[in-house]
mmCIF file of all heavy atoms, coordinates in Angstrom:
data_MODEL
# 
_entry.id   MODEL 
# 
loop_
_atom_site.group_PDB 
_atom_site.id 
_atom_site.type_symbol 
_atom_site.label_atom_id 
_atom_site.label_alt_id 
_atom_site.label_comp_id 
_atom_site.label_asym_id 
_atom_site.label_entity_id 
_atom_site.label_seq_id 
_atom_site.pdbx_PDB_ins_code 
_atom_site.Cartn_x 
_atom_site.Cartn_y 
_atom_site.Cartn_z 
_atom_site.occupancy 
_atom_site.B_iso_or_equiv 
_atom_site.pdbx_formal_charge 
_atom_site.auth_seq_id 
_atom_site.auth_comp_id 
_atom_site.auth_asym_id 
_atom_site.auth_atom_id 
_atom_site.pdbx_PDB_model_num 
ATOM 1   N N   . VAL A 1 1  ? 92.475 59.807 34.190 1.00 0.00 ? 1  VAL A N   1 
ATOM 2   C CA  . VAL A 1 1  ? 91.170 59.136 34.464 1.00 0.00 ? 1  VAL A CA  1 
ATOM 3   C C   . VAL A 1 1  ? 91.306 57.705 34.859 1.00 0.00 ? 1  VAL A C   1 
ATOM 4   O O   . VAL A 1 1  ? 90.760 57.248 35.830 1.00 0.00 ? 1  VAL A O   1 
ATOM 5   C CB  . VAL A 1 1  ? 90.281 59.351 33.189 1.00 0.00 ? 1  VAL A CB  1 
ATOM 6   C CG1 . VAL A 1 1  ? 89.031 58.579 33.391 1.00 0.00 ? 1  VAL A CG1 1 
ATOM 7   C CG2 . VAL A 1 1  ? 89.933 60.792 32.954 1.00 0.00 ? 1  VAL A CG2 1 
ATOM 8   N N   . SER A 1 2  ? 92.164 57.007 34.160 1.00 0.00 ? 2  SER A N   1 
ATOM 9   C CA  . SER A 1 2  ? 92.326 55.540 34.375 1.00 0.00 ? 2  SER A CA  1 
ATOM 10  C C   . SER A 1 2  ? 93.050 55.331 35.728 1.00 0.00 ? 2  SER A C   1 
ATOM 11  O O   . SER A 1 2  ? 92.964 54.246 36.363 1.00 0.00 ? 2  SER A O   1 
ATOM 12  C CB  . SER A 1 2  ? 93.141 54.917 33.318 1.00 0.00 ? 2  SER A CB  1 
ATOM 13  O OG  . SER A 1 2  ? 94.428 55.421 33.156 1.00 0.00 ? 2  SER A OG  1 
ATOM 14  N N   . ALA A 1 3  ? 93.841 56.382 36.239 1.00 0.00 ? 3  ALA A N   1 
ATOM 15  C CA  . ALA A 1 3  ? 94.624 56.211 37.507 1.00 0.00 ? 3  ALA A CA  1 
ATOM 16  C C   . ALA A 1 3  ? 93.601 56.234 38.754 1.00 0.00 ? 3  ALA A C   1 
ATOM 17  O O   . ALA A 1 3  ? 93.989 55.682 39.827 1.00 0.00 ? 3  ALA A O   1 
ATOM 18  C CB  . ALA A 1 3  ? 95.599 57.262 37.614 1.00 0.00 ? 3  ALA A CB  1 
ATOM 19  N N   . VAL A 1 4  ? 92.438 56.849 38.615 1.00 0.00 ? 4  VAL A N   1 
ATOM 20  C CA  . VAL A 1 4  ? 91.559 56.978 39.751 1.00 0.00 ? 4  VAL A CA  1 
ATOM 21  C C   . VAL A 1 4  ? 90.914 55.703 39.943 1.00 0.00 ? 4  VAL A C   1 
ATOM 22  O O   . VAL A 1 4  ? 90.303 54.994 39.065 1.00 0.00 ? 4  VAL A O   1 
ATOM 23  C CB  . VAL A 1 4  ? 90.445 57.960 39.391 1.00 0.00 ? 4  VAL A CB  1 
ATOM 24  C CG1 . VAL A 1 4  ? 89.527 58.029 40.543 1.00 0.00 ? 4  VAL A CG1 1 
ATOM 25  C CG2 . VAL A 1 4  ? 91.132 59.347 39.166 1.00 0.00 ? 4  VAL A CG2 1 
ATOM 26  N N   . GLN A 1 5  ? 91.115 55.094 41.209 1.00 0.00 ? 5  GLN A N   1 
ATOM 27  C CA  . GLN A 1 5  ? 90.608 53.845 41.534 1.00 0.00 ? 5  GLN A CA  1 
ATOM 28  C C   . GLN A 1 5  ? 89.096 54.032 42.084 1.00 0.00 ? 5  GLN A C   1 
ATOM 29  O O   . GLN A 1 5  ? 88.893 54.384 43.244 1.00 0.00 ? 5  GLN A O   1 
ATOM 30  C CB  . GLN A 1 5  ? 91.468 53.176 42.574 1.00 0.00 ? 5  GLN A CB  1 
ATOM 31  C CG  . GLN A 1 5  ? 92.882 52.896 42.219 1.00 0.00 ? 5  GLN A CG  1 
ATOM 32  C CD  . GLN A 1 5  ? 93.718 52.268 43.258 1.00 0.00 ? 5  GLN A CD  1 
ATOM 33  O OE1 . GLN A 1 5  ? 93.303 51.590 44.063 1.00 0.00 ? 5  GLN A OE1 1 
ATOM 34  N NE2 . GLN A 1 5  ? 95.083 52.534 43.144 1.00 0.00 ? 5  GLN A NE2 1 
ATOM 35  N N   . LEU A 1 6  ? 88.238 53.780 41.151 1.00 0.00 ? 6  LEU A N   1 
ATOM 36  C CA  . LEU A 1 6  ? 86.720 54.118 41.450 1.00 0.00 ? 6  LEU A CA  1 
ATOM 37  C C   . LEU A 1 6  ? 86.239 53.229 42.630 1.00 0.00 ? 6  LEU A C   1 
ATOM 38  O O   . LEU A 1 6  ? 85.340 53.671 43.378 1.00 0.00 ? 6  LEU A O   1 
ATOM 39  C CB  . LEU A 1 6  ? 85.912 53.904 40.223 1.00 0.00 ? 6  LEU A CB  1 
ATOM 40  C CG  . LEU A 1 6  ? 86.234 54.988 39.034 1.00 0.00 ? 6  LEU A CG  1 
ATOM 41  C CD1 . LEU A 1 6  ? 85.369 54.659 37.951 1.00 0.00 ? 6  LEU A CD1 1 
ATOM 42  C CD2 . LEU A 1 6  ? 85.987 56.422 39.620 1.00 0.00 ? 6  LEU A CD2 1 
ATOM 43  N N   . ASP A 1 7  ? 86.790 51.977 42.696 1.00 0.00 ? 7  ASP A N   1 
ATOM 44  C CA  . ASP A 1 7  ? 86.280 51.086 43.768 1.00 0.00 ? 7  ASP A CA  1 
ATOM 45  C C   . ASP A 1 7  ? 86.695 51.702 45.059 1.00 0.00 ? 7  ASP A C   1 
ATOM 46  O O   . ASP A 1 7  ? 85.863 51.531 46.071 1.00 0.00 ? 7  ASP A O   1 
ATOM 47  C CB  . ASP A 1 7  ? 86.852 49.674 43.557 1.00 0.00 ? 7  ASP A CB  1 
ATOM 48  C CG  . ASP A 1 7  ? 88.319 49.613 43.565 1.00 0.00 ? 7  ASP A CG  1 
ATOM 49  O OD1 . ASP A 1 7  ? 88.947 50.602 43.315 1.00 0.00 ? 7  ASP A OD1 1 
ATOM 50  O OD2 . ASP A 1 7  ? 88.893 48.529 43.716 1.00 0.00 ? 7  ASP A OD2 1 
ATOM 51  N N   . VAL A 1 8  ? 87.843 52.311 45.259 1.00 0.00 ? 8  VAL A N   1 
ATOM 52  C CA  . VAL A 1 8  ? 88.224 52.919 46.544 1.00 0.00 ? 8  VAL A CA  1 
ATOM 53  C C   . VAL A 1 8  ? 87.278 54.094 46.802 1.00 0.00 ? 8  VAL A C   1 
ATOM 54  O O   . VAL A 1 8  ? 86.883 54.288 48.006 1.00 0.00 ? 8  VAL A O   1 
ATOM 55  C CB  . VAL A 1 8  ? 89.651 53.350 46.435 1.00 0.00 ? 8  VAL A CB  1 
ATOM 56  C CG1 . VAL A 1 8  ? 90.106 54.035 47.707 1.00 0.00 ? 8  VAL A CG1 1 
ATOM 57  C CG2 . VAL A 1 8  ? 90.619 52.094 46.302 1.00 0.00 ? 8  VAL A CG2 1 
ATOM 58  N N   . ILE A 1 9  ? 87.061 54.961 45.813 1.00 0.00 ? 9  ILE A N   1 
ATOM 59  C CA  . ILE A 1 9  ? 86.175 56.126 46.029 1.00 0.00 ? 9  ILE A CA  1 
ATOM 60  C C   . ILE A 1 9  ? 84.772 55.704 46.408 1.00 0.00 ? 9  ILE A C   1 
ATOM 61  O O   . ILE A 1 9  ? 84.228 56.272 47.358 1.00 0.00 ? 9  ILE A O   1 
ATOM 62  C CB  . ILE A 1 9  ? 86.178 56.966 44.707 1.00 0.00 ? 9  ILE A CB  1 
ATOM 63  C CG1 . ILE A 1 9  ? 87.608 57.388 44.346 1.00 0.00 ? 9  ILE A CG1 1 
ATOM 64  C CG2 . ILE A 1 9  ? 85.309 58.135 44.974 1.00 0.00 ? 9  ILE A CG2 1 
ATOM 65  C CD1 . ILE A 1 9  ? 88.313 58.169 45.305 1.00 0.00 ? 9  ILE A CD1 1 
ATOM 66  N N   . ALA A 1 10 ? 84.234 54.679 45.695 1.00 0.00 ? 10 ALA A N   1 
ATOM 67  C CA  . ALA A 1 10 ? 82.914 54.186 46.054 1.00 0.00 ? 10 ALA A CA  1 
ATOM 68  C C   . ALA A 1 10 ? 82.827 53.571 47.423 1.00 0.00 ? 10 ALA A C   1 
ATOM 69  O O   . ALA A 1 10 ? 81.955 53.751 48.146 1.00 0.00 ? 10 ALA A O   1 
ATOM 70  C CB  . ALA A 1 10 ? 82.496 53.149 45.033 1.00 0.00 ? 10 ALA A CB  1 
ATOM 71  N N   . PHE A 1 11 ? 83.995 52.916 47.840 1.00 0.00 ? 11 PHE A N   1 
ATOM 72  C CA  . PHE A 1 11 ? 84.043 52.273 49.230 1.00 0.00 ? 11 PHE A CA  1 
ATOM 73  C C   . PHE A 1 11 ? 84.039 53.385 50.227 1.00 0.00 ? 11 PHE A C   1 
ATOM 74  O O   . PHE A 1 11 ? 83.242 53.290 51.202 1.00 0.00 ? 11 PHE A O   1 
ATOM 75  C CB  . PHE A 1 11 ? 85.342 51.487 49.294 1.00 0.00 ? 11 PHE A CB  1 
ATOM 76  C CG  . PHE A 1 11 ? 85.641 50.985 50.693 1.00 0.00 ? 11 PHE A CG  1 
ATOM 77  C CD1 . PHE A 1 11 ? 84.884 49.923 51.226 1.00 0.00 ? 11 PHE A CD1 1 
ATOM 78  C CD2 . PHE A 1 11 ? 86.641 51.562 51.439 1.00 0.00 ? 11 PHE A CD2 1 
ATOM 79  C CE1 . PHE A 1 11 ? 85.166 49.481 52.519 1.00 0.00 ? 11 PHE A CE1 1 
ATOM 80  C CE2 . PHE A 1 11 ? 86.891 51.153 52.738 1.00 0.00 ? 11 PHE A CE2 1 
ATOM 81  C CZ  . PHE A 1 11 ? 86.189 50.149 53.262 1.00 0.00 ? 11 PHE A CZ  1 
ATOM 82  N N   . LEU A 1 12 ? 84.811 54.343 50.004 1.00 0.00 ? 12 LEU A N   1 
ATOM 83  C CA  . LEU A 1 12 ? 84.882 55.535 51.041 1.00 0.00 ? 12 LEU A CA  1 
ATOM 84  C C   . LEU A 1 12 ? 83.494 56.157 51.091 1.00 0.00 ? 12 LEU A C   1 
ATOM 85  O O   . LEU A 1 12 ? 83.054 56.516 52.168 1.00 0.00 ? 12 LEU A O   1 
ATOM 86  C CB  . LEU A 1 12 ? 85.976 56.460 50.621 1.00 0.00 ? 12 LEU A CB  1 
ATOM 87  C CG  . LEU A 1 12 ? 87.388 55.960 50.812 1.00 0.00 ? 12 LEU A CG  1 
ATOM 88  C CD1 . LEU A 1 12 ? 88.377 57.048 50.273 1.00 0.00 ? 12 LEU A CD1 1 
ATOM 89  C CD2 . LEU A 1 12 ? 87.725 55.680 52.327 1.00 0.00 ? 12 LEU A CD2 1 
ATOM 90  N N   . PHE A 1 13 ? 82.917 56.442 49.971 1.00 0.00 ? 13 PHE A N   1 
ATOM 91  C CA  . PHE A 1 13 ? 81.601 57.135 49.973 1.00 0.00 ? 13 PHE A CA  1 
ATOM 92  C C   . PHE A 1 13 ? 80.611 56.343 50.802 1.00 0.00 ? 13 PHE A C   1 
ATOM 93  O O   . PHE A 1 13 ? 79.865 56.900 51.643 1.00 0.00 ? 13 PHE A O   1 
ATOM 94  C CB  . PHE A 1 13 ? 81.178 57.262 48.538 1.00 0.00 ? 13 PHE A CB  1 
ATOM 95  C CG  . PHE A 1 13 ? 79.716 57.843 48.467 1.00 0.00 ? 13 PHE A CG  1 
ATOM 96  C CD1 . PHE A 1 13 ? 79.508 59.270 48.499 1.00 0.00 ? 13 PHE A CD1 1 
ATOM 97  C CD2 . PHE A 1 13 ? 78.635 56.973 48.264 1.00 0.00 ? 13 PHE A CD2 1 
ATOM 98  C CE1 . PHE A 1 13 ? 78.220 59.661 48.424 1.00 0.00 ? 13 PHE A CE1 1 
ATOM 99  C CE2 . PHE A 1 13 ? 77.387 57.476 48.180 1.00 0.00 ? 13 PHE A CE2 1 
ATOM 100 C CZ  . PHE A 1 13 ? 77.110 58.859 48.325 1.00 0.00 ? 13 PHE A CZ  1 
ATOM 101 N N   . GLY A 1 14 ? 80.582 55.012 50.579 1.00 0.00 ? 14 GLY A N   1 
ATOM 102 C CA  . GLY A 1 14 ? 79.540 54.226 51.239 1.00 0.00 ? 14 GLY A CA  1 
ATOM 103 C C   . GLY A 1 14 ? 79.820 54.186 52.777 1.00 0.00 ? 14 GLY A C   1 
ATOM 104 O O   . GLY A 1 14 ? 78.960 54.309 53.526 1.00 0.00 ? 14 GLY A O   1 
ATOM 105 N N   . MET A 1 15 ? 81.143 54.125 53.116 1.00 0.00 ? 15 MET A N   1 
ATOM 106 C CA  . MET A 1 15 ? 81.445 54.040 54.650 1.00 0.00 ? 15 MET A CA  1 
ATOM 107 C C   . MET A 1 15 ? 81.220 55.445 55.305 1.00 0.00 ? 15 MET A C   1 
ATOM 108 O O   . MET A 1 15 ? 80.867 55.431 56.386 1.00 0.00 ? 15 MET A O   1 
ATOM 109 C CB  . MET A 1 15 ? 82.848 53.582 54.764 1.00 0.00 ? 15 MET A CB  1 
ATOM 110 C CG  . MET A 1 15 ? 83.200 52.099 54.300 1.00 0.00 ? 15 MET A CG  1 
ATOM 111 S SD  . MET A 1 15 ? 81.940 50.969 54.809 1.00 0.00 ? 15 MET A SD  1 
ATOM 112 C CE  . MET A 1 15 ? 82.035 51.040 56.600 1.00 0.00 ? 15 MET A CE  1 
ATOM 113 N N   . PHE A 1 16 ? 81.435 56.449 54.480 1.00 0.00 ? 16 PHE A N   1 
ATOM 114 C CA  . PHE A 1 16 ? 81.137 57.841 54.998 1.00 0.00 ? 16 PHE A CA  1 
ATOM 115 C C   . PHE A 1 16 ? 79.620 57.949 55.304 1.00 0.00 ? 16 PHE A C   1 
ATOM 116 O O   . PHE A 1 16 ? 79.181 58.544 56.333 1.00 0.00 ? 16 PHE A O   1 
ATOM 117 C CB  . PHE A 1 16 ? 81.534 58.930 53.976 1.00 0.00 ? 16 PHE A CB  1 
ATOM 118 C CG  . PHE A 1 16 ? 82.978 59.194 54.045 1.00 0.00 ? 16 PHE A CG  1 
ATOM 119 C CD1 . PHE A 1 16 ? 83.627 59.596 52.850 1.00 0.00 ? 16 PHE A CD1 1 
ATOM 120 C CD2 . PHE A 1 16 ? 83.791 59.256 55.210 1.00 0.00 ? 16 PHE A CD2 1 
ATOM 121 C CE1 . PHE A 1 16 ? 85.015 59.849 52.866 1.00 0.00 ? 16 PHE A CE1 1 
ATOM 122 C CE2 . PHE A 1 16 ? 85.074 59.472 55.228 1.00 0.00 ? 16 PHE A CE2 1 
ATOM 123 C CZ  . PHE A 1 16 ? 85.700 59.806 54.032 1.00 0.00 ? 16 PHE A CZ  1 
ATOM 124 N N   . VAL A 1 17 ? 78.773 57.412 54.446 1.00 0.00 ? 17 VAL A N   1 
ATOM 125 C CA  . VAL A 1 17 ? 77.354 57.357 54.669 1.00 0.00 ? 17 VAL A CA  1 
ATOM 126 C C   . VAL A 1 17 ? 77.021 56.601 55.954 1.00 0.00 ? 17 VAL A C   1 
ATOM 127 O O   . VAL A 1 17 ? 76.199 57.025 56.854 1.00 0.00 ? 17 VAL A O   1 
ATOM 128 C CB  . VAL A 1 17 ? 76.498 56.888 53.462 1.00 0.00 ? 17 VAL A CB  1 
ATOM 129 C CG1 . VAL A 1 17 ? 75.015 56.616 53.820 1.00 0.00 ? 17 VAL A CG1 1 
ATOM 130 C CG2 . VAL A 1 17 ? 76.662 57.761 52.331 1.00 0.00 ? 17 VAL A CG2 1 
ATOM 131 N N   . PHE A 1 18 ? 77.607 55.435 56.074 1.00 0.00 ? 18 PHE A N   1 
ATOM 132 C CA  . PHE A 1 18 ? 77.413 54.627 57.242 1.00 0.00 ? 18 PHE A CA  1 
ATOM 133 C C   . PHE A 1 18 ? 77.850 55.210 58.466 1.00 0.00 ? 18 PHE A C   1 
ATOM 134 O O   . PHE A 1 18 ? 77.194 55.270 59.464 1.00 0.00 ? 18 PHE A O   1 
ATOM 135 C CB  . PHE A 1 18 ? 78.080 53.250 56.999 1.00 0.00 ? 18 PHE A CB  1 
ATOM 136 C CG  . PHE A 1 18 ? 77.823 52.303 58.200 1.00 0.00 ? 18 PHE A CG  1 
ATOM 137 C CD1 . PHE A 1 18 ? 76.662 51.863 58.544 1.00 0.00 ? 18 PHE A CD1 1 
ATOM 138 C CD2 . PHE A 1 18 ? 78.961 51.898 58.892 1.00 0.00 ? 18 PHE A CD2 1 
ATOM 139 C CE1 . PHE A 1 18 ? 76.459 50.944 59.569 1.00 0.00 ? 18 PHE A CE1 1 
ATOM 140 C CE2 . PHE A 1 18 ? 78.759 50.965 59.970 1.00 0.00 ? 18 PHE A CE2 1 
ATOM 141 C CZ  . PHE A 1 18 ? 77.538 50.447 60.301 1.00 0.00 ? 18 PHE A CZ  1 
ATOM 142 N N   . GLY A 1 19 ? 79.066 55.913 58.514 1.00 0.00 ? 19 GLY A N   1 
ATOM 143 C CA  . GLY A 1 19 ? 79.628 56.542 59.631 1.00 0.00 ? 19 GLY A CA  1 
ATOM 144 C C   . GLY A 1 19 ? 78.721 57.777 60.028 1.00 0.00 ? 19 GLY A C   1 
ATOM 145 O O   . GLY A 1 19 ? 78.552 57.934 61.247 1.00 0.00 ? 19 GLY A O   1 
ATOM 146 N N   . ALA A 1 20 ? 78.199 58.457 59.038 1.00 0.00 ? 20 ALA A N   1 
ATOM 147 C CA  . ALA A 1 20 ? 77.385 59.613 59.323 1.00 0.00 ? 20 ALA A CA  1 
ATOM 148 C C   . ALA A 1 20 ? 76.110 59.121 60.027 1.00 0.00 ? 20 ALA A C   1 
ATOM 149 O O   . ALA A 1 20 ? 75.560 59.798 60.966 1.00 0.00 ? 20 ALA A O   1 
ATOM 150 C CB  . ALA A 1 20 ? 77.089 60.355 58.052 1.00 0.00 ? 20 ALA A CB  1 
ATOM 151 N N   . ALA A 1 21 ? 75.596 58.030 59.553 1.00 0.00 ? 21 ALA A N   1 
ATOM 152 C CA  . ALA A 1 21 ? 74.287 57.512 60.107 1.00 0.00 ? 21 ALA A CA  1 
ATOM 153 C C   . ALA A 1 21 ? 74.581 57.061 61.573 1.00 0.00 ? 21 ALA A C   1 
ATOM 154 O O   . ALA A 1 21 ? 73.668 57.279 62.462 1.00 0.00 ? 21 ALA A O   1 
ATOM 155 C CB  . ALA A 1 21 ? 73.829 56.344 59.322 1.00 0.00 ? 21 ALA A CB  1 
ATOM 156 N N   . LEU A 1 22 ? 75.662 56.366 61.851 1.00 0.00 ? 22 LEU A N   1 
ATOM 157 C CA  . LEU A 1 22 ? 76.010 55.980 63.235 1.00 0.00 ? 22 LEU A CA  1 
ATOM 158 C C   . LEU A 1 22 ? 75.980 57.130 64.141 1.00 0.00 ? 22 LEU A C   1 
ATOM 159 O O   . LEU A 1 22 ? 75.473 57.178 65.258 1.00 0.00 ? 22 LEU A O   1 
ATOM 160 C CB  . LEU A 1 22 ? 77.339 55.269 63.236 1.00 0.00 ? 22 LEU A CB  1 
ATOM 161 C CG  . LEU A 1 22 ? 77.345 53.822 62.761 1.00 0.00 ? 22 LEU A CG  1 
ATOM 162 C CD1 . LEU A 1 22 ? 78.815 53.352 62.768 1.00 0.00 ? 22 LEU A CD1 1 
ATOM 163 C CD2 . LEU A 1 22 ? 76.498 52.954 63.595 1.00 0.00 ? 22 LEU A CD2 1 
ATOM 164 N N   . ASP A 1 23 ? 76.617 58.284 63.629 1.00 0.00 ? 23 ASP A N   1 
ATOM 165 C CA  . ASP A 1 23 ? 76.730 59.443 64.505 1.00 0.00 ? 23 ASP A CA  1 
ATOM 166 C C   . ASP A 1 23 ? 75.402 60.175 64.639 1.00 0.00 ? 23 ASP A C   1 
ATOM 167 O O   . ASP A 1 23 ? 74.986 60.544 65.751 1.00 0.00 ? 23 ASP A O   1 
ATOM 168 C CB  . ASP A 1 23 ? 77.756 60.409 63.796 1.00 0.00 ? 23 ASP A CB  1 
ATOM 169 C CG  . ASP A 1 23 ? 78.132 61.554 64.738 1.00 0.00 ? 23 ASP A CG  1 
ATOM 170 O OD1 . ASP A 1 23 ? 77.986 61.433 65.945 1.00 0.00 ? 23 ASP A OD1 1 
ATOM 171 O OD2 . ASP A 1 23 ? 78.496 62.672 64.193 1.00 0.00 ? 23 ASP A OD2 1 
ATOM 172 N N   . MET A 1 24 ? 74.689 60.275 63.505 1.00 0.00 ? 24 MET A N   1 
ATOM 173 C CA  . MET A 1 24 ? 73.441 61.010 63.521 1.00 0.00 ? 24 MET A CA  1 
ATOM 174 C C   . MET A 1 24 ? 72.368 60.350 64.384 1.00 0.00 ? 24 MET A C   1 
ATOM 175 O O   . MET A 1 24 ? 71.557 60.921 64.974 1.00 0.00 ? 24 MET A O   1 
ATOM 176 C CB  . MET A 1 24 ? 72.955 61.258 62.131 1.00 0.00 ? 24 MET A CB  1 
ATOM 177 C CG  . MET A 1 24 ? 72.002 62.379 61.851 1.00 0.00 ? 24 MET A CG  1 
ATOM 178 S SD  . MET A 1 24 ? 71.582 62.637 60.071 1.00 0.00 ? 24 MET A SD  1 
ATOM 179 C CE  . MET A 1 24 ? 73.245 63.046 59.514 1.00 0.00 ? 24 MET A CE  1 
ATOM 180 N N   . SER A 1 25 ? 72.366 58.995 64.447 1.00 0.00 ? 25 SER A N   1 
ATOM 181 C CA  . SER A 1 25 ? 71.275 58.229 65.135 1.00 0.00 ? 25 SER A CA  1 
ATOM 182 C C   . SER A 1 25 ? 71.542 58.261 66.577 1.00 0.00 ? 25 SER A C   1 
ATOM 183 O O   . SER A 1 25 ? 70.648 57.983 67.421 1.00 0.00 ? 25 SER A O   1 
ATOM 184 C CB  . SER A 1 25 ? 71.405 56.803 64.622 1.00 0.00 ? 25 SER A CB  1 
ATOM 185 O OG  . SER A 1 25 ? 72.555 56.181 64.960 1.00 0.00 ? 25 SER A OG  1 
ATOM 186 N N   . GLY A 1 26 ? 72.809 58.528 67.020 1.00 0.00 ? 26 GLY A N   1 
ATOM 187 C CA  . GLY A 1 26 ? 73.193 58.488 68.370 1.00 0.00 ? 26 GLY A CA  1 
ATOM 188 C C   . GLY A 1 26 ? 73.767 57.139 68.814 1.00 0.00 ? 26 GLY A C   1 
ATOM 189 O O   . GLY A 1 26 ? 74.215 56.852 69.877 1.00 0.00 ? 26 GLY A O   1 
# 
C-alpha cells in the first residue's frame, strides 16, 4: 500500500481526463 505513489496515479488520472477532453472536443 505504501509503495503506491498516489501523486503519480492522481496526476495520470487528471491528464487522462484532459487528454480525453481535447480529443472529444475536436
